[in-house]
Amino acid sequence: MDASQPVPRSEIAARARPVMIAMRDGVHLATDVYLPAGRQAPAPVVLVRTLYDKGSAFTFLPRLADVFNERGYAFVAQDVRGRGRSDGERRPLEHEVADGYDTLDWIARQPWSDGRAGMFGDSYLGFTSLAAAVSGHPSLKAIVPRMIGTDRAVDHDGVYSMELVEWAANYLMDDRNYARRVDWSVAPLSDVIERSTGRACPPYDRLRALTVAGPKVANEAFFGTADPQGAILVPTLHWTGYWDLRCESCIADYIAMRGRPEIAERQYLMLDAIDHEFYPLGYDGPAAGLGEAPSPEVIEELIPDYTDAVLEFFDRHVRGEAGPEIPRVRWNLSRAGWQTAPDWPPPGTGIRDVPVLPDDEADSWRHDPADPVPNLPANPWSILSSQPDERAVESRADVLTFTSDELATAIDLAGPAYVRLSIHADAPSMHVVAKLVDVWPDGAARRMMLGARLVGAAEYGAEVEIRLGHIGYRVQPGHRIRVEVASSCYPFYELHPGTDDDPWTAVNRRAVTVRLPGRKVRLALTTLS
């Protein structure tokens, strides 16, 4: 298919009852209603609101409707404003609180609804569930936001990630979906979308401006409150994967909301060895294409893992059914299996330093914006569909590596990890990118974690900390643990221009030398005792 052309619009499912629901400002949102077969009485409702075309194979909502209908739930799928068949202006994230409330209000008045609703979904669909919970509508009883948190998670301690640039080029240009790659050679980066698609993307420009303005401004714009976590009062199952782009935001919500006594007992967490698009660690099928819909066979195989925990949660917290106690935290210890815990990180964990030594004599690297270290997965949303060997970048002169001794016994990682180091650079500031890598006995190097930080000149010579996020992972005996250090991972992170210009708008870039005094890196891992 010509990538410049939109993906064909989906047909409305034959079983769906289409309706246009009026919002408070007169905008109508396209909505499909699926009712359980043989329904005799009003039913609880599952609402999913999507940016990606409610009937598309990409989101497979008609198939999910079957699953929830079979369990006795009515299922409602809706295109958010400006997308799919819905009216309105495309302003991502900004209308979801009010639109979620108005949709829930309409549902609660329908004769087939018993007045109780749950919401779930991945990524943007998960955001709409968070936003609806912030709205405080009384019919919403529980949510399962997956692969998302209240924070947009694009600011990594001063280094901005760019996954939303290509996302915007495919999902914010108009009401249709595309499957195109952008030209990352463009300078400045702010011109990438227009130069790649032939037109500007005002919705993305606004989204970025609000996001970089800081959490308070963004939260007020997207949620109508500076404290969305405190406004979510319903039971919430936070669900993410360690290789998910939004993992840290999801876990941060859980930890922060568990710290509030008034809502602590309503928080649950599920951590899996998956990426943003649900590909599991160890996947050995074909690599995922950008925006590619899963095959019907893959969907059927996925359904139990995708829906069982949601159904269990809604049966308890939407329907109010009795049943086995739902564990506070369910987490997959990657390469070992599922565990439960009363909290995260699990009790009995502690932070330990793991010695890693330099693999060569180099104590500096040349950061050249014209030849950045590539981010190996072509599609950062589905890194596990084609998890590459890190040796392809570790051989570069602008990547320094530090490796542990071979492990005599397994190490179980269960929580956050940090890299600590000090640098000097011939620039007013510099990006530092660090990866945590599992080195197999055959030498294969598989990325476990990634983090970045902007280091200003005032911090040169002082030890700084790079947060790598959270993981549950068993590093097997005979393996080694490696840290990679560089100043780019492109195009996942913005390129530091080597000057004091804003990386987003910089036109002039220059190569600079970055030094690592003493060739010393400290690695701190949260491990089970």
Protein backbone atom coordinates (compact mmCIF):
# COMPACT_ATOMS: atom_id res chain seq x y z
CA MET A 1 0.00 0.00 0.00
CA ASP A 2 1.18 3.57 -0.74
CA ALA A 3 2.22 4.90 2.69
CA SER A 4 1.15 8.41 1.67
CA GLN A 5 -2.44 7.17 1.41
CA PRO A 6 -4.63 6.56 4.45
CA VAL A 7 -5.45 3.10 5.69
CA PRO A 8 -8.93 2.25 4.36
CA ARG A 9 -11.64 3.25 6.80
CA SER A 10 -13.18 0.31 8.60
CA GLU A 11 -16.72 -0.84 8.03
CA ILE A 12 -19.17 -0.57 10.90
CA ALA A 13 -19.50 -4.05 12.36
CA ALA A 14 -22.74 -5.73 11.35
CA ARG A 15 -23.65 -6.44 14.98
CA ALA A 16 -22.99 -2.88 16.14
CA ARG A 17 -25.72 -0.32 16.73
CA PRO A 18 -24.21 2.97 15.48
CA VAL A 19 -25.22 6.24 17.12
CA MET A 20 -23.89 9.81 17.17
CA ILE A 21 -23.76 11.07 20.77
CA ALA A 22 -23.94 14.82 21.38
CA MET A 23 -21.35 16.35 23.70
CA ARG A 24 -22.06 19.45 25.80
CA ASP A 25 -20.60 21.75 23.09
CA GLY A 26 -22.72 20.28 20.30
CA VAL A 27 -20.01 18.06 18.79
CA HIS A 28 -21.26 14.56 17.92
CA LEU A 29 -19.08 11.49 18.54
CA ALA A 30 -19.47 8.29 16.53
CA THR A 31 -20.31 5.40 18.82
CA ASP A 32 -21.02 1.69 18.35
CA VAL A 33 -23.14 -0.20 20.89
CA TYR A 34 -22.88 -3.99 21.23
CA LEU A 35 -25.40 -5.73 23.46
CA PRO A 36 -25.21 -9.26 24.89
CA ALA A 37 -27.21 -11.84 22.95
CA GLY A 38 -30.54 -12.65 24.53
CA ARG A 39 -30.29 -9.75 26.96
CA GLN A 40 -33.33 -9.66 29.26
CA ALA A 41 -32.32 -6.97 31.75
CA PRO A 42 -30.09 -3.88 31.87
CA ALA A 43 -26.41 -4.78 31.97
CA PRO A 44 -23.19 -3.24 33.25
CA VAL A 45 -21.26 -1.51 30.47
CA VAL A 46 -17.65 -1.50 29.28
CA LEU A 47 -16.74 1.72 27.46
CA VAL A 48 -13.67 2.08 25.24
CA ARG A 49 -12.86 5.43 23.59
CA THR A 50 -10.26 5.35 20.81
CA LEU A 51 -8.21 7.59 18.56
CA TYR A 52 -7.54 4.75 16.10
CA ASP A 53 -10.91 4.01 14.40
CA LYS A 54 -13.30 2.02 16.56
CA GLY A 55 -13.94 -0.59 13.88
CA SER A 56 -10.35 -1.12 12.74
CA ALA A 57 -8.48 -4.39 12.87
CA PHE A 58 -5.66 -2.46 14.58
CA THR A 59 -7.71 -2.11 17.78
CA PHE A 60 -9.99 -5.14 17.14
CA LEU A 61 -12.75 -3.65 19.27
CA PRO A 62 -15.56 -5.57 17.50
CA ARG A 63 -13.84 -8.80 18.56
CA LEU A 64 -13.40 -7.51 22.11
CA ALA A 65 -17.10 -6.66 22.14
CA ASP A 66 -17.81 -10.37 21.64
CA VAL A 67 -15.65 -11.26 24.64
CA PHE A 68 -17.33 -8.79 26.99
CA ASN A 69 -20.83 -9.52 25.68
CA GLU A 70 -20.28 -13.21 26.40
CA ARG A 71 -19.51 -12.24 30.00
CA GLY A 72 -22.77 -10.28 30.23
CA TYR A 73 -21.46 -6.75 29.67
CA ALA A 74 -22.76 -4.30 27.12
CA PHE A 75 -19.84 -2.92 25.13
CA VAL A 76 -19.57 0.62 23.78
CA ALA A 77 -16.81 1.74 21.39
CA GLN A 78 -16.38 5.38 20.46
CA ASP A 79 -14.15 7.47 18.17
CA VAL A 80 -12.76 10.50 20.01
CA ARG A 81 -13.48 13.89 18.47
CA GLY A 82 -11.85 14.70 15.16
CA ARG A 83 -11.02 11.05 14.46
CA GLY A 84 -12.74 8.19 12.68
CA ARG A 85 -16.38 9.11 12.09
CA SER A 86 -16.58 11.65 14.92
CA ASP A 87 -17.02 15.38 14.44
CA GLY A 88 -14.91 18.08 16.03
CA GLU A 89 -11.43 19.54 16.06
CA ARG A 90 -8.39 17.33 16.66
CA ARG A 91 -6.84 18.51 19.92
CA PRO A 92 -5.39 15.34 21.44
CA LEU A 93 -5.91 14.74 25.16
CA GLU A 94 -7.67 18.06 25.76
CA HIS A 95 -11.36 17.08 25.56
CA GLU A 96 -11.25 13.62 27.07
CA VAL A 97 -12.40 14.53 30.59
CA ALA A 98 -15.58 16.29 29.45
CA ASP A 99 -16.24 13.91 26.55
CA GLY A 100 -15.77 10.91 28.82
CA TYR A 101 -18.25 12.36 31.33
CA ASP A 102 -20.83 13.17 28.67
CA THR A 103 -20.56 9.73 27.09
CA LEU A 104 -20.92 7.99 30.45
CA ASP A 105 -23.91 10.22 31.17
CA TRP A 106 -25.57 9.19 27.90
CA ILE A 107 -24.87 5.51 28.59
CA ALA A 108 -26.33 5.71 32.10
CA ARG A 109 -29.64 6.95 30.65
CA GLN A 110 -30.04 4.07 28.19
CA PRO A 111 -32.55 1.30 28.95
CA TRP A 112 -29.92 -1.40 28.30
CA SER A 113 -27.53 0.07 30.93
CA ASP A 114 -27.81 -0.76 34.63
CA GLY A 115 -25.93 2.44 35.54
CA ARG A 116 -22.57 0.81 36.23
CA ALA A 117 -19.60 1.13 33.86
CA GLY A 118 -15.94 0.24 33.57
CA MET A 119 -13.34 1.56 31.12
CA PHE A 120 -10.10 0.10 29.86
CA GLY A 121 -7.69 0.35 26.97
CA ASP A 122 -4.10 0.63 25.85
CA SER A 123 -2.15 3.84 25.30
CA TYR A 124 -4.51 6.62 24.16
CA LEU A 125 -7.47 4.38 24.96
CA GLY A 126 -6.09 4.04 28.47
CA PHE A 127 -5.68 7.80 28.72
CA THR A 128 -9.37 8.28 27.98
CA SER A 129 -10.19 5.98 30.91
CA LEU A 130 -7.96 8.02 33.22
CA ALA A 131 -9.58 11.23 31.97
CA ALA A 132 -13.10 9.87 32.49
CA ALA A 133 -12.15 8.85 36.02
CA VAL A 134 -10.91 12.39 36.69
CA SER A 135 -14.33 13.65 35.53
CA GLY A 136 -15.89 11.96 38.56
CA HIS A 137 -18.96 10.59 36.79
CA PRO A 138 -20.80 8.44 39.37
CA SER A 139 -21.51 5.56 36.97
CA LEU A 140 -17.81 4.82 36.41
CA LYS A 141 -16.89 2.14 38.93
CA ALA A 142 -13.41 0.94 37.84
CA ILE A 143 -10.75 1.48 35.17
CA VAL A 144 -7.88 -0.50 33.69
CA PRO A 145 -5.52 2.00 32.00
CA ARG A 146 -2.86 -0.01 30.20
CA MET A 147 0.46 1.21 28.74
CA ILE A 148 -0.24 4.75 29.96
CA GLY A 149 -0.12 7.03 32.97
CA THR A 150 -1.22 10.53 33.84
CA ASP A 151 2.22 11.83 32.81
CA ARG A 152 2.95 11.89 29.06
CA ALA A 153 6.43 10.46 29.77
CA VAL A 154 8.34 12.23 26.99
CA ASP A 155 10.65 14.27 29.26
CA HIS A 156 13.46 12.02 30.47
CA ASP A 157 15.26 14.29 32.93
CA GLY A 158 15.62 16.99 30.31
CA VAL A 159 16.01 14.74 27.27
CA TYR A 160 12.88 14.57 25.13
CA SER A 161 11.84 11.39 23.34
CA MET A 162 10.28 11.67 19.90
CA GLU A 163 8.02 8.66 19.49
CA LEU A 164 5.03 10.99 19.26
CA VAL A 165 6.43 12.73 16.16
CA GLU A 166 5.90 9.75 13.88
CA TRP A 167 2.72 8.90 15.78
CA ALA A 168 1.36 12.36 14.96
CA ALA A 169 2.28 11.99 11.30
CA ASN A 170 0.11 8.87 11.20
CA TYR A 171 -2.77 9.67 13.56
CA LEU A 172 -3.16 13.44 13.92
CA MET A 173 -3.03 14.70 10.32
CA ASP A 174 -6.74 14.19 9.70
CA ASP A 175 -9.51 11.75 10.65
CA ARG A 176 -7.77 8.75 9.04
CA ASN A 177 -4.94 6.37 9.98
CA TYR A 178 -1.68 6.14 8.03
CA ALA A 179 1.33 3.79 8.16
CA ARG A 180 4.26 5.93 7.05
CA ARG A 181 7.79 6.59 8.24
CA VAL A 182 9.13 10.10 8.57
CA ASP A 183 12.45 11.50 7.34
CA TRP A 184 14.64 11.81 10.42
CA SER A 185 17.49 13.45 8.48
CA VAL A 186 15.57 16.75 8.47
CA ALA A 187 16.91 19.75 10.39
CA PRO A 188 15.46 21.34 12.38
CA LEU A 189 13.55 18.48 13.96
CA SER A 190 10.52 20.75 14.20
CA ASP A 191 10.17 20.44 10.40
CA VAL A 192 10.18 16.63 10.31
CA ILE A 193 6.41 16.16 10.00
CA GLU A 194 5.86 18.85 7.37
CA ARG A 195 8.87 17.80 5.29
CA SER A 196 7.82 14.14 5.49
CA THR A 197 4.09 14.52 4.79
CA GLY A 198 3.87 17.76 2.83
CA ARG A 199 1.79 19.53 5.45
CA ALA A 200 2.07 20.87 8.95
CA CYS A 201 0.45 19.22 11.96
CA PRO A 202 -0.97 21.93 14.26
CA PRO A 203 -2.44 19.35 16.70
CA TYR A 204 1.05 17.97 17.36
CA ASP A 205 2.57 21.43 17.66
CA ARG A 206 0.02 22.27 20.34
CA LEU A 207 0.46 18.92 22.10
CA ARG A 208 4.22 19.39 22.23
CA ALA A 209 3.97 22.99 23.44
CA LEU A 210 1.70 21.98 26.31
CA THR A 211 3.88 19.01 27.23
CA VAL A 212 7.20 20.84 27.31
CA ALA A 213 5.61 23.64 29.35
CA GLY A 214 5.78 21.28 32.32
CA PRO A 215 3.49 18.95 34.28
CA LYS A 216 1.32 21.65 35.84
CA VAL A 217 0.49 23.34 32.54
CA ALA A 218 -0.02 20.01 30.77
CA ASN A 219 -2.20 18.55 33.51
CA GLU A 220 -4.39 21.66 33.62
CA ALA A 221 -4.82 21.45 29.83
CA PHE A 222 -5.43 17.72 29.63
CA PHE A 223 -7.21 16.98 32.92
CA GLY A 224 -8.48 20.35 34.11
CA THR A 225 -6.51 19.91 37.33
CA ALA A 226 -2.85 20.06 38.34
CA ASP A 227 -3.38 16.86 40.37
CA PRO A 228 -5.10 14.21 38.24
CA GLN A 229 -3.84 11.38 40.45
CA GLY A 230 -5.76 12.78 43.39
CA ALA A 231 -8.95 13.08 41.34
CA ILE A 232 -9.09 9.39 40.38
CA LEU A 233 -11.20 7.82 43.11
CA VAL A 234 -12.30 4.55 41.50
CA PRO A 235 -10.46 1.21 41.76
CA THR A 236 -7.66 1.23 39.20
CA LEU A 237 -5.62 -1.61 37.76
CA HIS A 238 -2.44 0.00 36.42
CA TRP A 239 -1.03 -2.35 33.77
CA THR A 240 2.16 -2.03 31.77
CA GLY A 241 5.17 -3.89 30.37
CA TYR A 242 8.82 -3.38 31.19
CA TRP A 243 9.59 -2.64 27.53
CA ASP A 244 6.64 -0.28 27.21
CA LEU A 245 7.38 3.37 26.39
CA ARG A 246 4.95 4.42 29.14
CA CYS A 247 6.11 1.96 31.81
CA GLU A 248 7.55 4.58 34.14
CA SER A 249 4.47 6.78 33.98
CA CYS A 250 2.20 3.85 34.81
CA ILE A 251 4.32 2.70 37.76
CA ALA A 252 4.70 6.27 38.99
CA ASP A 253 0.92 6.60 39.13
CA TYR A 254 0.60 3.38 41.12
CA ILE A 255 3.31 4.34 43.62
CA ALA A 256 2.03 7.90 44.07
CA MET A 257 -1.60 6.83 44.45
CA ARG A 258 -0.67 4.04 46.89
CA GLY A 259 0.94 6.79 48.94
CA ARG A 260 -2.40 8.57 49.41
CA PRO A 261 -4.30 6.96 52.30
CA GLU A 262 -7.74 7.92 50.94
CA ILE A 263 -7.24 5.95 47.68
CA ALA A 264 -4.38 3.57 48.51
CA GLU A 265 -6.51 0.43 48.81
CA ARG A 266 -8.06 1.00 45.36
CA GLN A 267 -4.73 0.67 43.53
CA TYR A 268 -3.56 -2.49 41.78
CA LEU A 269 -0.57 -3.11 39.53
CA MET A 270 0.19 -5.62 36.80
CA LEU A 271 3.68 -5.75 35.26
CA ASP A 272 4.43 -8.01 32.32
CA ALA A 273 7.39 -8.83 30.08
CA ILE A 274 5.83 -7.10 27.07
CA ASP A 275 6.22 -3.94 25.01
CA HIS A 276 3.71 -1.21 24.18
CA GLU A 277 1.99 -3.31 21.50
CA PHE A 278 1.82 -6.42 23.70
CA TYR A 279 4.65 -8.35 22.03
CA PRO A 280 6.19 -10.63 24.69
CA LEU A 281 9.82 -11.20 25.57
CA GLY A 282 10.93 -14.20 23.54
CA TYR A 283 8.60 -13.48 20.62
CA ASP A 284 10.01 -15.17 17.51
CA GLY A 285 7.50 -14.23 14.80
CA PRO A 286 7.78 -11.60 12.08
CA ALA A 287 8.70 -8.08 13.11
CA ALA A 288 5.80 -5.68 13.58
CA GLY A 289 5.21 -3.04 10.94
CA LEU A 290 4.28 0.49 11.91
CA GLY A 291 0.57 0.63 12.75
CA GLU A 292 0.16 -2.93 11.51
CA ALA A 293 -3.00 -4.75 12.54
CA PRO A 294 -2.54 -8.19 14.07
CA SER A 295 -3.88 -11.14 12.10
CA PRO A 296 -7.13 -12.80 13.22
CA GLU A 297 -5.09 -15.80 14.36
CA VAL A 298 -2.82 -13.62 16.50
CA ILE A 299 -5.83 -11.84 17.98
CA GLU A 300 -7.43 -15.12 19.03
CA GLU A 301 -4.19 -16.26 20.64
CA LEU A 302 -3.85 -12.93 22.42
CA ILE A 303 -7.43 -12.59 23.75
CA PRO A 304 -7.03 -14.52 27.06
CA ASP A 305 -3.89 -12.64 28.14
CA TYR A 306 -5.44 -9.39 26.93
CA THR A 307 -8.82 -9.65 28.63
CA ASP A 308 -8.84 -12.17 31.49
CA ALA A 309 -7.44 -9.79 34.12
CA VAL A 310 -9.74 -6.99 32.91
CA LEU A 311 -12.81 -9.20 33.21
CA GLU A 312 -11.73 -10.36 36.66
CA PHE A 313 -11.25 -6.77 37.79
CA PHE A 314 -14.58 -5.57 36.39
CA ASP A 315 -16.47 -8.55 37.80
CA ARG A 316 -15.23 -7.54 41.24
CA HIS A 317 -15.32 -3.74 41.05
CA VAL A 318 -18.04 -2.98 38.47
CA ARG A 319 -20.45 -5.83 39.15
CA GLY A 320 -19.49 -6.16 42.80
CA GLU A 321 -19.22 -9.95 42.64
CA ALA A 322 -17.50 -11.90 45.36
CA GLY A 323 -14.55 -14.05 44.43
CA PRO A 324 -10.90 -14.77 45.15
CA GLU A 325 -8.95 -11.76 46.38
CA ILE A 326 -7.19 -9.96 43.55
CA PRO A 327 -3.46 -9.65 44.31
CA ARG A 328 -2.26 -6.12 44.93
CA VAL A 329 0.65 -6.60 42.52
CA ARG A 330 1.10 -9.24 39.84
CA TRP A 331 4.47 -9.12 38.15
CA ASN A 332 6.27 -11.24 35.63
CA LEU A 333 9.83 -12.04 36.63
CA SER A 334 11.04 -12.19 33.05
CA ARG A 335 12.56 -15.57 32.16
CA ALA A 336 11.26 -17.04 35.44
CA GLY A 337 7.48 -16.56 35.62
CA TRP A 338 4.61 -14.77 37.33
CA GLN A 339 4.83 -13.59 40.93
CA THR A 340 2.52 -11.77 43.35
CA ALA A 341 3.45 -9.17 45.94
CA PRO A 342 1.74 -6.86 48.45
CA ASP A 343 3.38 -3.83 46.83
CA TRP A 344 5.98 -2.62 44.33
CA PRO A 345 8.89 -2.94 44.58
CA PRO A 346 8.24 -6.23 46.37
CA PRO A 347 9.14 -6.53 50.04
CA GLY A 348 12.55 -8.08 50.49
CA THR A 349 14.18 -6.15 47.68
CA GLY A 350 17.12 -3.84 48.11
CA ILE A 351 19.40 -1.71 45.99
CA ARG A 352 22.84 -3.17 45.42
CA ASP A 353 25.85 -1.99 43.46
CA VAL A 354 26.91 -4.41 40.73
CA PRO A 355 30.52 -3.89 39.65
CA VAL A 356 30.96 -3.21 35.93
CA LEU A 357 34.38 -2.55 34.39
CA PRO A 358 35.32 -0.77 31.15
CA ASP A 359 35.70 -3.06 28.15
CA ASP A 360 38.54 -1.02 26.61
CA GLU A 361 40.86 1.91 27.31
CA ALA A 362 38.61 4.63 25.91
CA ASP A 363 37.71 7.41 28.34
CA SER A 364 35.89 9.68 25.87
CA TRP A 365 33.71 9.65 22.79
CA ARG A 366 32.87 12.02 19.97
CA HIS A 367 29.22 13.02 19.85
CA ASP A 368 28.51 13.83 16.21
CA PRO A 369 24.93 14.91 15.48
CA ALA A 370 25.55 14.06 11.81
CA ASP A 371 26.20 10.42 12.75
CA PRO A 372 24.21 9.61 15.91
CA VAL A 373 24.01 6.26 17.63
CA PRO A 374 20.91 4.63 16.15
CA ASN A 375 17.99 3.35 18.18
CA LEU A 376 18.05 -0.21 16.91
CA PRO A 377 14.35 -1.12 16.94
CA ALA A 378 12.87 0.52 13.86
CA ASN A 379 9.52 0.65 15.67
CA PRO A 380 10.01 1.79 19.29
CA TRP A 381 6.40 0.87 20.11
CA SER A 382 7.10 -2.85 19.49
CA ILE A 383 10.73 -3.34 20.47
CA LEU A 384 10.20 -7.00 21.40
CA SER A 385 8.86 -7.91 17.97
CA SER A 386 12.42 -7.59 16.63
CA GLN A 387 14.67 -7.25 19.66
CA PRO A 388 18.05 -6.59 18.02
CA ASP A 389 21.54 -7.49 19.16
CA GLU A 390 23.14 -4.48 20.86
CA ARG A 391 26.57 -5.48 19.55
CA ALA A 392 25.61 -3.57 16.40
CA VAL A 393 25.97 -0.30 18.32
CA GLU A 394 28.47 -1.42 20.97
CA SER A 395 31.13 -1.64 18.25
CA ARG A 396 30.88 2.11 17.58
CA ALA A 397 33.57 4.47 18.87
CA ASP A 398 30.91 6.77 20.36
CA VAL A 399 29.53 4.03 22.64
CA LEU A 400 31.45 3.01 25.77
CA THR A 401 30.62 -0.30 27.44
CA PHE A 402 31.14 -1.58 30.97
CA THR A 403 30.57 -5.24 31.78
CA SER A 404 30.29 -7.37 34.91
CA ASP A 405 31.97 -10.69 35.52
CA GLU A 406 30.10 -13.79 34.48
CA LEU A 407 27.36 -14.52 37.00
CA ALA A 408 27.83 -17.63 39.11
CA THR A 409 24.21 -17.48 40.29
CA ALA A 410 21.10 -15.81 38.97
CA ILE A 411 20.26 -12.22 39.88
CA ASP A 412 16.55 -11.34 40.11
CA LEU A 413 15.87 -7.70 39.28
CA ALA A 414 12.66 -6.34 40.80
CA GLY A 415 12.38 -2.56 40.76
CA PRO A 416 14.28 0.49 39.60
CA ALA A 417 17.85 0.65 38.27
CA TYR A 418 20.30 3.52 38.07
CA VAL A 419 23.57 4.36 36.35
CA ARG A 420 25.81 6.89 38.09
CA LEU A 421 28.75 8.64 36.44
CA SER A 422 30.36 12.03 35.82
CA ILE A 423 31.19 13.66 32.50
CA HIS A 424 32.81 16.70 30.90
CA ALA A 425 31.84 17.92 27.43
CA ASP A 426 33.00 20.66 25.06
CA ALA A 427 29.47 22.06 25.04
CA PRO A 428 27.18 24.05 27.36
CA SER A 429 25.32 20.84 28.15
CA MET A 430 25.15 17.27 26.92
CA HIS A 431 22.82 14.30 26.75
CA VAL A 432 23.92 11.09 28.43
CA VAL A 433 22.13 7.91 27.35
CA ALA A 434 22.57 4.65 29.26
CA LYS A 435 21.33 1.13 28.55
CA LEU A 436 21.27 -1.97 30.70
CA VAL A 437 22.08 -5.06 28.66
CA ASP A 438 21.89 -8.81 29.28
CA VAL A 439 24.95 -10.43 27.70
CA TRP A 440 24.34 -14.07 26.85
CA PRO A 441 27.02 -16.79 26.91
CA ASP A 442 27.25 -16.66 23.10
CA GLY A 443 27.92 -12.90 23.26
CA ALA A 444 24.46 -11.78 22.15
CA ALA A 445 23.54 -8.52 23.90
CA ARG A 446 19.84 -7.86 24.55
CA ARG A 447 18.63 -4.55 25.89
CA MET A 448 16.77 -4.66 29.17
CA MET A 449 16.47 -0.96 30.09
CA LEU A 450 17.09 2.51 28.70
CA GLY A 451 17.42 5.96 30.25
CA ALA A 452 18.73 9.43 29.53
CA ARG A 453 19.56 12.70 31.23
CA LEU A 454 20.53 16.23 30.28
CA VAL A 455 23.74 17.20 32.08
CA GLY A 456 24.43 20.91 32.32
CA ALA A 457 27.88 22.51 32.52
CA ALA A 458 27.35 23.23 36.23
CA GLU A 459 27.13 19.47 36.80
CA TYR A 460 30.33 18.60 34.90
CA GLY A 461 32.66 16.65 37.17
CA ALA A 462 29.93 15.80 39.67
CA GLU A 463 28.33 12.37 39.81
CA VAL A 464 24.91 12.38 38.16
CA GLU A 465 22.27 9.69 38.14
CA ILE A 466 20.54 8.29 35.08
CA ARG A 467 17.25 6.60 35.87
CA LEU A 468 16.68 3.46 33.81
CA GLY A 469 13.16 2.76 35.02
CA HIS A 470 11.74 -0.43 36.53
CA ILE A 471 12.01 -4.06 35.55
CA GLY A 472 11.37 -7.60 36.75
CA TYR A 473 14.00 -9.83 35.15
CA ARG A 474 16.10 -12.88 36.01
CA VAL A 475 19.66 -12.60 34.72
CA GLN A 476 20.70 -16.21 34.37
CA PRO A 477 23.94 -17.84 35.60
CA GLY A 478 26.63 -17.66 32.95
CA HIS A 479 25.33 -14.31 31.70
CA ARG A 480 26.94 -10.91 32.24
CA ILE A 481 25.42 -7.50 32.84
CA ARG A 482 26.55 -4.61 30.67
CA VAL A 483 26.06 -0.85 30.72
CA GLU A 484 26.27 1.13 27.48
CA VAL A 485 26.99 4.86 27.67
CA ALA A 486 26.61 7.31 24.78
CA SER A 487 25.15 10.73 23.98
CA SER A 488 22.50 9.72 21.47
CA CYS A 489 19.92 7.07 20.69
CA TYR A 490 18.32 8.44 17.57
CA PRO A 491 15.57 8.95 16.61
CA PHE A 492 14.14 7.84 19.92
CA TYR A 493 15.68 10.80 21.75
CA GLU A 494 16.15 14.28 20.33
CA LEU A 495 19.66 15.02 19.07
CA HIS A 496 21.77 17.27 21.23
CA PRO A 497 23.08 19.88 18.75
CA GLY A 498 26.42 20.37 20.53
CA THR A 499 25.42 23.99 21.18
CA ASP A 500 23.11 25.78 23.59
CA ASP A 501 20.30 25.81 21.00
CA ASP A 502 17.02 24.00 21.61
CA PRO A 503 17.43 20.52 20.07
CA TRP A 504 13.93 20.78 18.57
CA THR A 505 14.62 23.94 16.58
CA ALA A 506 18.42 23.77 16.16
CA VAL A 507 19.62 24.08 12.56
CA ASN A 508 23.34 24.35 13.22
CA ARG A 509 24.88 21.36 14.91
CA ARG A 510 28.47 20.56 15.79
CA ALA A 511 30.42 17.53 16.96
CA VAL A 512 31.82 17.65 20.50
CA THR A 513 34.01 15.49 22.70
CA VAL A 514 32.53 13.96 25.83
CA ARG A 515 34.91 12.67 28.50
CA LEU A 516 34.30 10.15 31.26
CA PRO A 517 36.93 10.88 33.91
CA GLY A 518 38.48 7.75 35.33
CA ARG A 519 36.37 5.57 33.02
CA LYS A 520 34.14 4.90 36.02
CA VAL A 521 30.48 3.88 35.96
CA ARG A 522 28.45 2.75 38.95
CA LEU A 523 25.44 0.47 38.43
CA ALA A 524 22.76 0.22 41.13
CA LEU A 525 20.09 -2.47 40.75
CA THR A 526 17.04 -3.34 42.84
CA THR A 527 17.25 -7.06 43.47
CA LEU A 528 15.44 -9.73 45.44
CA SER A 529 17.45 -10.88 48.44
